[in-house]
Amino acid sequence: KAALGGYDFPMPVPDGFLTWDDWADAQQIPVEKRPT
């Protein structure tokens, strides 16, 4: 994303979180049920 510029995630990471995994941790979503 940073290397190519102009690209972004279809849905940005929610405010207050650095990554989707951080968000999923806060929502208590088990690792095995998260997108890979």
ModelCIF file with pLDDT and N, C-alpha, C, O atoms, coordinates in Angstrom:
data_MODEL
#
_entry.id   MODEL 
#
_entity.id                         1 
_entity.type                       polymer 
_entity.pdbx_number_of_molecules   1 
#
_entity_poly.entity_id                      1 
_entity_poly.type                           'polypeptide(L)' 
_entity_poly.nstd_linkage                   no 
_entity_poly.nstd_monomer                   no 
_entity_poly.pdbx_seq_one_letter_code       KAALGGYDFPMPVPDGFLTWDDWADAQQIPVEKRPT 
_entity_poly.pdbx_seq_one_letter_code_can   KAALGGYDFPMPVPDGFLTWDDWADAQQIPVEKRPT 
_entity_poly.pdbx_strand_id                 A 
#
loop_
_entity_poly_seq.entity_id 
_entity_poly_seq.num 
_entity_poly_seq.mon_id 
_entity_poly_seq.hetero 
1 1  LYS n 
1 2  ALA n 
1 3  ALA n 
1 4  LEU n 
1 5  GLY n 
1 6  GLY n 
1 7  TYR n 
1 8  ASP n 
1 9  PHE n 
1 10 PRO n 
1 11 MET n 
1 12 PRO n 
1 13 VAL n 
1 14 PRO n 
1 15 ASP n 
1 16 GLY n 
1 17 PHE n 
1 18 LEU n 
1 19 THR n 
1 20 TRP n 
1 21 ASP n 
1 22 ASP n 
1 23 TRP n 
1 24 ALA n 
1 25 ASP n 
1 26 ALA n 
1 27 GLN n 
1 28 GLN n 
1 29 ILE n 
1 30 PRO n 
1 31 VAL n 
1 32 GLU n 
1 33 LYS n 
1 34 ARG n 
1 35 PRO n 
1 36 THR n 
#
_struct_asym.id          A 
_struct_asym.entity_id   1 
#
loop_
_ma_qa_metric.id 
_ma_qa_metric.mode 
_ma_qa_metric.name 
_ma_qa_metric.software_group_id 
_ma_qa_metric.type 
1 global pLDDT . pLDDT 
2 local  pLDDT . pLDDT 
#
_ma_qa_metric_global.metric_id      1 
_ma_qa_metric_global.metric_value   88.53 
_ma_qa_metric_global.model_id       1 
_ma_qa_metric_global.ordinal_id     1 
#
loop_
_ma_qa_metric_local.label_asym_id 
_ma_qa_metric_local.label_comp_id 
_ma_qa_metric_local.label_seq_id 
_ma_qa_metric_local.metric_id 
_ma_qa_metric_local.metric_value 
_ma_qa_metric_local.model_id 
_ma_qa_metric_local.ordinal_id 
A LYS 1  2 95.00 1 1  
A ALA 2  2 95.00 1 2  
A ALA 3  2 95.00 1 3  
A LEU 4  2 94.00 1 4  
A GLY 5  2 91.00 1 5  
A GLY 6  2 91.00 1 6  
A TYR 7  2 92.00 1 7  
A ASP 8  2 90.00 1 8  
A PHE 9  2 85.00 1 9  
A PRO 10 2 87.00 1 10 
A MET 11 2 82.00 1 11 
A PRO 12 2 79.00 1 12 
A VAL 13 2 82.00 1 13 
A PRO 14 2 90.00 1 14 
A ASP 15 2 92.00 1 15 
A GLY 16 2 94.00 1 16 
A PHE 17 2 93.00 1 17 
A LEU 18 2 87.00 1 18 
A THR 19 2 81.00 1 19 
A TRP 20 2 80.00 1 20 
A ASP 21 2 84.00 1 21 
A ASP 22 2 91.00 1 22 
A TRP 23 2 91.00 1 23 
A ALA 24 2 91.00 1 24 
A ASP 25 2 94.00 1 25 
A ALA 26 2 96.00 1 26 
A GLN 27 2 94.00 1 27 
A GLN 28 2 94.00 1 28 
A ILE 29 2 92.00 1 29 
A PRO 30 2 92.00 1 30 
A VAL 31 2 87.00 1 31 
A GLU 32 2 84.00 1 32 
A LYS 33 2 84.00 1 33 
A ARG 34 2 81.00 1 34 
A PRO 35 2 77.00 1 35 
A THR 36 2 80.00 1 36 
#
loop_
_atom_site.group_PDB 
_atom_site.id 
_atom_site.type_symbol 
_atom_site.label_atom_id 
_atom_site.label_alt_id 
_atom_site.label_comp_id 
_atom_site.label_asym_id 
_atom_site.label_entity_id 
_atom_site.label_seq_id 
_atom_site.pdbx_PDB_ins_code 
_atom_site.Cartn_x 
_atom_site.Cartn_y 
_atom_site.Cartn_z 
_atom_site.occupancy 
_atom_site.B_iso_or_equiv 
_atom_site.pdbx_formal_charge 
_atom_site.auth_seq_id 
_atom_site.auth_comp_id 
_atom_site.auth_asym_id 
_atom_site.auth_atom_id 
_atom_site.pdbx_PDB_model_num 
ATOM 1   N N  . LYS A 1 1  ? 0.842   -1.199  0.000  1.00 95.00 ? 1  LYS A N  1 
ATOM 2   C CA . LYS A 1 1  ? 0.000   0.000   0.000  1.00 95.00 ? 1  LYS A CA 1 
ATOM 3   C C  . LYS A 1 1  ? 0.874   1.244   0.000  1.00 95.00 ? 1  LYS A C  1 
ATOM 4   O O  . LYS A 1 1  ? 0.649   2.166   -0.784 1.00 95.00 ? 1  LYS A O  1 
ATOM 5   N N  . ALA A 1 2  ? 1.871   1.271   0.880  1.00 95.00 ? 2  ALA A N  1 
ATOM 6   C CA . ALA A 1 2  ? 2.774   2.419   0.958  1.00 95.00 ? 2  ALA A CA 1 
ATOM 7   C C  . ALA A 1 2  ? 3.710   2.474   -0.240 1.00 95.00 ? 2  ALA A C  1 
ATOM 8   O O  . ALA A 1 2  ? 4.028   3.560   -0.725 1.00 95.00 ? 2  ALA A O  1 
ATOM 9   N N  . ALA A 1 3  ? 4.154   1.321   -0.724 1.00 95.00 ? 3  ALA A N  1 
ATOM 10  C CA . ALA A 1 3  ? 5.102   1.283   -1.836 1.00 95.00 ? 3  ALA A CA 1 
ATOM 11  C C  . ALA A 1 3  ? 4.494   1.792   -3.133 1.00 95.00 ? 3  ALA A C  1 
ATOM 12  O O  . ALA A 1 3  ? 5.141   2.539   -3.866 1.00 95.00 ? 3  ALA A O  1 
ATOM 13  N N  . LEU A 1 4  ? 3.265   1.400   -3.426 1.00 94.00 ? 4  LEU A N  1 
ATOM 14  C CA . LEU A 1 4  ? 2.667   1.698   -4.722 1.00 94.00 ? 4  LEU A CA 1 
ATOM 15  C C  . LEU A 1 4  ? 1.879   2.999   -4.770 1.00 94.00 ? 4  LEU A C  1 
ATOM 16  O O  . LEU A 1 4  ? 1.726   3.579   -5.845 1.00 94.00 ? 4  LEU A O  1 
ATOM 17  N N  . GLY A 1 5  ? 1.380   3.467   -3.646 1.00 91.00 ? 5  GLY A N  1 
ATOM 18  C CA . GLY A 1 5  ? 0.576   4.698   -3.648 1.00 91.00 ? 5  GLY A CA 1 
ATOM 19  C C  . GLY A 1 5  ? -0.699  4.519   -4.441 1.00 91.00 ? 5  GLY A C  1 
ATOM 20  O O  . GLY A 1 5  ? -0.724  3.793   -5.434 1.00 91.00 ? 5  GLY A O  1 
ATOM 21  N N  . GLY A 1 6  ? -1.750  5.175   -4.009 1.00 91.00 ? 6  GLY A N  1 
ATOM 22  C CA . GLY A 1 6  ? -3.034  5.108   -4.706 1.00 91.00 ? 6  GLY A CA 1 
ATOM 23  C C  . GLY A 1 6  ? -3.887  3.917   -4.316 1.00 91.00 ? 6  GLY A C  1 
ATOM 24  O O  . GLY A 1 6  ? -5.097  3.920   -4.542 1.00 91.00 ? 6  GLY A O  1 
ATOM 25  N N  . TYR A 1 7  ? -3.273  2.906   -3.737 1.00 92.00 ? 7  TYR A N  1 
ATOM 26  C CA . TYR A 1 7  ? -4.020  1.734   -3.285 1.00 92.00 ? 7  TYR A CA 1 
ATOM 27  C C  . TYR A 1 7  ? -4.477  1.955   -1.849 1.00 92.00 ? 7  TYR A C  1 
ATOM 28  O O  . TYR A 1 7  ? -3.823  2.655   -1.076 1.00 92.00 ? 7  TYR A O  1 
ATOM 29  N N  . ASP A 1 8  ? -5.604  1.351   -1.504 1.00 90.00 ? 8  ASP A N  1 
ATOM 30  C CA . ASP A 1 8  ? -6.084  1.401   -0.129 1.00 90.00 ? 8  ASP A CA 1 
ATOM 31  C C  . ASP A 1 8  ? -6.903  0.150   0.124  1.00 90.00 ? 8  ASP A C  1 
ATOM 32  O O  . ASP A 1 8  ? -7.221  -0.597  -0.802 1.00 90.00 ? 8  ASP A O  1 
ATOM 33  N N  . PHE A 1 9  ? -7.233  -0.068  1.358  1.00 85.00 ? 9  PHE A N  1 
ATOM 34  C CA . PHE A 1 9  ? -8.080  -1.193  1.711  1.00 85.00 ? 9  PHE A CA 1 
ATOM 35  C C  . PHE A 1 9  ? -9.514  -0.828  1.354  1.00 85.00 ? 9  PHE A C  1 
ATOM 36  O O  . PHE A 1 9  ? -9.910  0.327   1.513  1.00 85.00 ? 9  PHE A O  1 
ATOM 37  N N  . PRO A 1 10 ? -10.314 -1.802  0.869  1.00 87.00 ? 10 PRO A N  1 
ATOM 38  C CA . PRO A 1 10 ? -11.691 -1.491  0.498  1.00 87.00 ? 10 PRO A CA 1 
ATOM 39  C C  . PRO A 1 10 ? -12.467 -0.889  1.661  1.00 87.00 ? 10 PRO A C  1 
ATOM 40  O O  . PRO A 1 10 ? -13.292 0.007   1.479  1.00 87.00 ? 10 PRO A O  1 
ATOM 41  N N  . MET A 1 11 ? -12.196 -1.381  2.827  1.00 82.00 ? 11 MET A N  1 
ATOM 42  C CA . MET A 1 11 ? -12.797 -0.827  4.045  1.00 82.00 ? 11 MET A CA 1 
ATOM 43  C C  . MET A 1 11 ? -11.645 -0.437  4.959  1.00 82.00 ? 11 MET A C  1 
ATOM 44  O O  . MET A 1 11 ? -10.884 -1.305  5.386  1.00 82.00 ? 11 MET A O  1 
ATOM 45  N N  . PRO A 1 12 ? -11.497 0.849   5.269  1.00 79.00 ? 12 PRO A N  1 
ATOM 46  C CA . PRO A 1 12 ? -10.379 1.247   6.134  1.00 79.00 ? 12 PRO A CA 1 
ATOM 47  C C  . PRO A 1 12 ? -10.513 0.657   7.531  1.00 79.00 ? 12 PRO A C  1 
ATOM 48  O O  . PRO A 1 12 ? -11.613 0.357   7.995  1.00 79.00 ? 12 PRO A O  1 
ATOM 49  N N  . VAL A 1 13 ? -9.384  0.500   8.182  1.00 82.00 ? 13 VAL A N  1 
ATOM 50  C CA . VAL A 1 13 ? -9.369  0.029   9.558  1.00 82.00 ? 13 VAL A CA 1 
ATOM 51  C C  . VAL A 1 13 ? -10.136 1.045   10.408 1.00 82.00 ? 13 VAL A C  1 
ATOM 52  O O  . VAL A 1 13 ? -9.915  2.247   10.264 1.00 82.00 ? 13 VAL A O  1 
ATOM 53  N N  . PRO A 1 14 ? -11.024 0.594   11.281 1.00 90.00 ? 14 PRO A N  1 
ATOM 54  C CA . PRO A 1 14 ? -11.803 1.530   12.107 1.00 90.00 ? 14 PRO A CA 1 
ATOM 55  C C  . PRO A 1 14 ? -10.908 2.460   12.927 1.00 90.00 ? 14 PRO A C  1 
ATOM 56  O O  . PRO A 1 14 ? -9.816  2.080   13.350 1.00 90.00 ? 14 PRO A O  1 
ATOM 57  N N  . ASP A 1 15 ? -11.388 3.678   13.142 1.00 92.00 ? 15 ASP A N  1 
ATOM 58  C CA . ASP A 1 15 ? -10.656 4.651   13.942 1.00 92.00 ? 15 ASP A CA 1 
ATOM 59  C C  . ASP A 1 15 ? -10.284 4.067   15.295 1.00 92.00 ? 15 ASP A C  1 
ATOM 60  O O  . ASP A 1 15 ? -11.069 3.357   15.923 1.00 92.00 ? 15 ASP A O  1 
ATOM 61  N N  . GLY A 1 16 ? -9.077  4.377   15.727 1.00 94.00 ? 16 GLY A N  1 
ATOM 62  C CA . GLY A 1 16 ? -8.608  3.914   17.022 1.00 94.00 ? 16 GLY A CA 1 
ATOM 63  C C  . GLY A 1 16 ? -7.846  2.600   16.962 1.00 94.00 ? 16 GLY A C  1 
ATOM 64  O O  . GLY A 1 16 ? -7.354  2.126   17.985 1.00 94.00 ? 16 GLY A O  1 
ATOM 65  N N  . PHE A 1 17 ? -7.739  1.994   15.759 1.00 93.00 ? 17 PHE A N  1 
ATOM 66  C CA . PHE A 1 17 ? -7.042  0.720   15.613 1.00 93.00 ? 17 PHE A CA 1 
ATOM 67  C C  . PHE A 1 17 ? -5.992  0.846   14.515 1.00 93.00 ? 17 PHE A C  1 
ATOM 68  O O  . PHE A 1 17 ? -6.233  1.495   13.497 1.00 93.00 ? 17 PHE A O  1 
ATOM 69  N N  . LEU A 1 18 ? -4.825  0.229   14.717 1.00 87.00 ? 18 LEU A N  1 
ATOM 70  C CA . LEU A 1 18 ? -3.768  0.267   13.710 1.00 87.00 ? 18 LEU A CA 1 
ATOM 71  C C  . LEU A 1 18 ? -3.971  -0.783  12.628 1.00 87.00 ? 18 LEU A C  1 
ATOM 72  O O  . LEU A 1 18 ? -3.629  -0.560  11.467 1.00 87.00 ? 18 LEU A O  1 
ATOM 73  N N  . THR A 1 19 ? -4.529  -1.928  13.010 1.00 81.00 ? 19 THR A N  1 
ATOM 74  C CA . THR A 1 19 ? -4.731  -3.028  12.060 1.00 81.00 ? 19 THR A CA 1 
ATOM 75  C C  . THR A 1 19 ? -6.097  -3.656  12.290 1.00 81.00 ? 19 THR A C  1 
ATOM 76  O O  . THR A 1 19 ? -6.739  -3.416  13.312 1.00 81.00 ? 19 THR A O  1 
ATOM 77  N N  . TRP A 1 20 ? -6.537  -4.472  11.317 1.00 80.00 ? 20 TRP A N  1 
ATOM 78  C CA . TRP A 1 20 ? -7.789  -5.212  11.482 1.00 80.00 ? 20 TRP A CA 1 
ATOM 79  C C  . TRP A 1 20 ? -7.669  -6.233  12.614 1.00 80.00 ? 20 TRP A C  1 
ATOM 80  O O  . TRP A 1 20 ? -8.646  -6.515  13.306 1.00 80.00 ? 20 TRP A O  1 
ATOM 81  N N  . ASP A 1 21 ? -6.465  -6.785  12.799 1.00 84.00 ? 21 ASP A N  1 
ATOM 82  C CA . ASP A 1 21 ? -6.289  -7.732  13.903 1.00 84.00 ? 21 ASP A CA 1 
ATOM 83  C C  . ASP A 1 21 ? -6.474  -7.040  15.252 1.00 84.00 ? 21 ASP A C  1 
ATOM 84  O O  . ASP A 1 21 ? -7.037  -7.625  16.177 1.00 84.00 ? 21 ASP A O  1 
ATOM 85  N N  . ASP A 1 22 ? -6.002  -5.800  15.367 1.00 91.00 ? 22 ASP A N  1 
ATOM 86  C CA . ASP A 1 22 ? -6.240  -5.045  16.606 1.00 91.00 ? 22 ASP A CA 1 
ATOM 87  C C  . ASP A 1 22 ? -7.743  -4.875  16.845 1.00 91.00 ? 22 ASP A C  1 
ATOM 88  O O  . ASP A 1 22 ? -8.223  -5.044  17.966 1.00 91.00 ? 22 ASP A O  1 
ATOM 89  N N  . TRP A 1 23 ? -8.472  -4.544  15.792 1.00 91.00 ? 23 TRP A N  1 
ATOM 90  C CA . TRP A 1 23 ? -9.916  -4.385  15.899 1.00 91.00 ? 23 TRP A CA 1 
ATOM 91  C C  . TRP A 1 23 ? -10.572 -5.711  16.302 1.00 91.00 ? 23 TRP A C  1 
ATOM 92  O O  . TRP A 1 23 ? -11.427 -5.754  17.187 1.00 91.00 ? 23 TRP A O  1 
ATOM 93  N N  . ALA A 1 24 ? -10.149 -6.801  15.626 1.00 91.00 ? 24 ALA A N  1 
ATOM 94  C CA . ALA A 1 24 ? -10.728 -8.114  15.919 1.00 91.00 ? 24 ALA A CA 1 
ATOM 95  C C  . ALA A 1 24 ? -10.431 -8.544  17.359 1.00 91.00 ? 24 ALA A C  1 
ATOM 96  O O  . ALA A 1 24 ? -11.274 -9.156  18.015 1.00 91.00 ? 24 ALA A O  1 
ATOM 97  N N  . ASP A 1 25 ? -9.230  -8.221  17.846 1.00 94.00 ? 25 ASP A N  1 
ATOM 98  C CA . ASP A 1 25 ? -8.909  -8.516  19.244 1.00 94.00 ? 25 ASP A CA 1 
ATOM 99  C C  . ASP A 1 25 ? -9.881  -7.792  20.177 1.00 94.00 ? 25 ASP A C  1 
ATOM 100 O O  . ASP A 1 25 ? -10.383 -8.374  21.138 1.00 94.00 ? 25 ASP A O  1 
ATOM 101 N N  . ALA A 1 26 ? -10.138 -6.520  19.883 1.00 96.00 ? 26 ALA A N  1 
ATOM 102 C CA . ALA A 1 26 ? -11.039 -5.727  20.722 1.00 96.00 ? 26 ALA A CA 1 
ATOM 103 C C  . ALA A 1 26 ? -12.467 -6.270  20.681 1.00 96.00 ? 26 ALA A C  1 
ATOM 104 O O  . ALA A 1 26 ? -13.213 -6.133  21.651 1.00 96.00 ? 26 ALA A O  1 
ATOM 105 N N  . GLN A 1 27 ? -12.844 -6.882  19.567 1.00 94.00 ? 27 GLN A N  1 
ATOM 106 C CA . GLN A 1 27 ? -14.182 -7.455  19.426 1.00 94.00 ? 27 GLN A CA 1 
ATOM 107 C C  . GLN A 1 27 ? -14.241 -8.899  19.918 1.00 94.00 ? 27 GLN A C  1 
ATOM 108 O O  . GLN A 1 27 ? -15.296 -9.532  19.888 1.00 94.00 ? 27 GLN A O  1 
ATOM 109 N N  . GLN A 1 28 ? -13.096 -9.413  20.372 1.00 94.00 ? 28 GLN A N  1 
ATOM 110 C CA . GLN A 1 28 ? -12.962 -10.777 20.879 1.00 94.00 ? 28 GLN A CA 1 
ATOM 111 C C  . GLN A 1 28 ? -13.340 -11.826 19.827 1.00 94.00 ? 28 GLN A C  1 
ATOM 112 O O  . GLN A 1 28 ? -13.964 -12.842 20.133 1.00 94.00 ? 28 GLN A O  1 
ATOM 113 N N  . ILE A 1 29 ? -12.945 -11.549 18.587 1.00 92.00 ? 29 ILE A N  1 
ATOM 114 C CA . ILE A 1 29 ? -13.172 -12.509 17.495 1.00 92.00 ? 29 ILE A CA 1 
ATOM 115 C C  . ILE A 1 29 ? -12.026 -13.513 17.521 1.00 92.00 ? 29 ILE A C  1 
ATOM 116 O O  . ILE A 1 29 ? -10.866 -13.116 17.413 1.00 92.00 ? 29 ILE A O  1 
ATOM 117 N N  . PRO A 1 30 ? -12.320 -14.792 17.661 1.00 92.00 ? 30 PRO A N  1 
ATOM 118 C CA . PRO A 1 30 ? -11.246 -15.801 17.702 1.00 92.00 ? 30 PRO A CA 1 
ATOM 119 C C  . PRO A 1 30 ? -10.410 -15.766 16.421 1.00 92.00 ? 30 PRO A C  1 
ATOM 120 O O  . PRO A 1 30 ? -10.926 -15.528 15.329 1.00 92.00 ? 30 PRO A O  1 
ATOM 121 N N  . VAL A 1 31 ? -9.120  -16.006 16.581 1.00 87.00 ? 31 VAL A N  1 
ATOM 122 C CA . VAL A 1 31 ? -8.193  -15.965 15.447 1.00 87.00 ? 31 VAL A CA 1 
ATOM 123 C C  . VAL A 1 31 ? -8.651  -16.891 14.327 1.00 87.00 ? 31 VAL A C  1 
ATOM 124 O O  . VAL A 1 31 ? -8.562  -16.527 13.154 1.00 87.00 ? 31 VAL A O  1 
ATOM 125 N N  . GLU A 1 32 ? -9.138  -18.080 14.667 1.00 84.00 ? 32 GLU A N  1 
ATOM 126 C CA . GLU A 1 32 ? -9.535  -19.047 13.636 1.00 84.00 ? 32 GLU A CA 1 
ATOM 127 C C  . GLU A 1 32 ? -10.767 -18.609 12.847 1.00 84.00 ? 32 GLU A C  1 
ATOM 128 O O  . GLU A 1 32 ? -11.067 -19.202 11.811 1.00 84.00 ? 32 GLU A O  1 
ATOM 129 N N  . LYS A 1 33 ? -11.486 -17.590 13.310 1.00 84.00 ? 33 LYS A N  1 
ATOM 130 C CA . LYS A 1 33 ? -12.679 -17.114 12.594 1.00 84.00 ? 33 LYS A CA 1 
ATOM 131 C C  . LYS A 1 33 ? -12.427 -15.820 11.823 1.00 84.00 ? 33 LYS A C  1 
ATOM 132 O O  . LYS A 1 33 ? -13.347 -15.268 11.220 1.00 84.00 ? 33 LYS A O  1 
ATOM 133 N N  . ARG A 1 34 ? -11.200 -15.339 11.839 1.00 81.00 ? 34 ARG A N  1 
ATOM 134 C CA . ARG A 1 34 ? -10.856 -14.101 11.135 1.00 81.00 ? 34 ARG A CA 1 
ATOM 135 C C  . ARG A 1 34 ? -10.470 -14.401 9.694  1.00 81.00 ? 34 ARG A C  1 
ATOM 136 O O  . ARG A 1 34 ? -10.006 -15.498 9.382  1.00 81.00 ? 34 ARG A O  1 
ATOM 137 N N  . PRO A 1 35 ? -10.663 -13.422 8.819  1.00 77.00 ? 35 PRO A N  1 
ATOM 138 C CA . PRO A 1 35 ? -10.198 -13.611 7.435  1.00 77.00 ? 35 PRO A CA 1 
ATOM 139 C C  . PRO A 1 35 ? -8.684  -13.831 7.410  1.00 77.00 ? 35 PRO A C  1 
ATOM 140 O O  . PRO A 1 35 ? -7.952  -13.258 8.216  1.00 77.00 ? 35 PRO A O  1 
ATOM 141 N N  . THR A 1 36 ? -8.235  -14.650 6.497  1.00 80.00 ? 36 THR A N  1 
ATOM 142 C CA . THR A 1 36 ? -6.802  -14.952 6.400  1.00 80.00 ? 36 THR A CA 1 
ATOM 143 C C  . THR A 1 36 ? -6.161  -14.222 5.231  1.00 80.00 ? 36 THR A C  1 
ATOM 144 O O  . THR A 1 36 ? -4.960  -14.360 5.000  1.00 80.00 ? 36 THR A O  1 
#
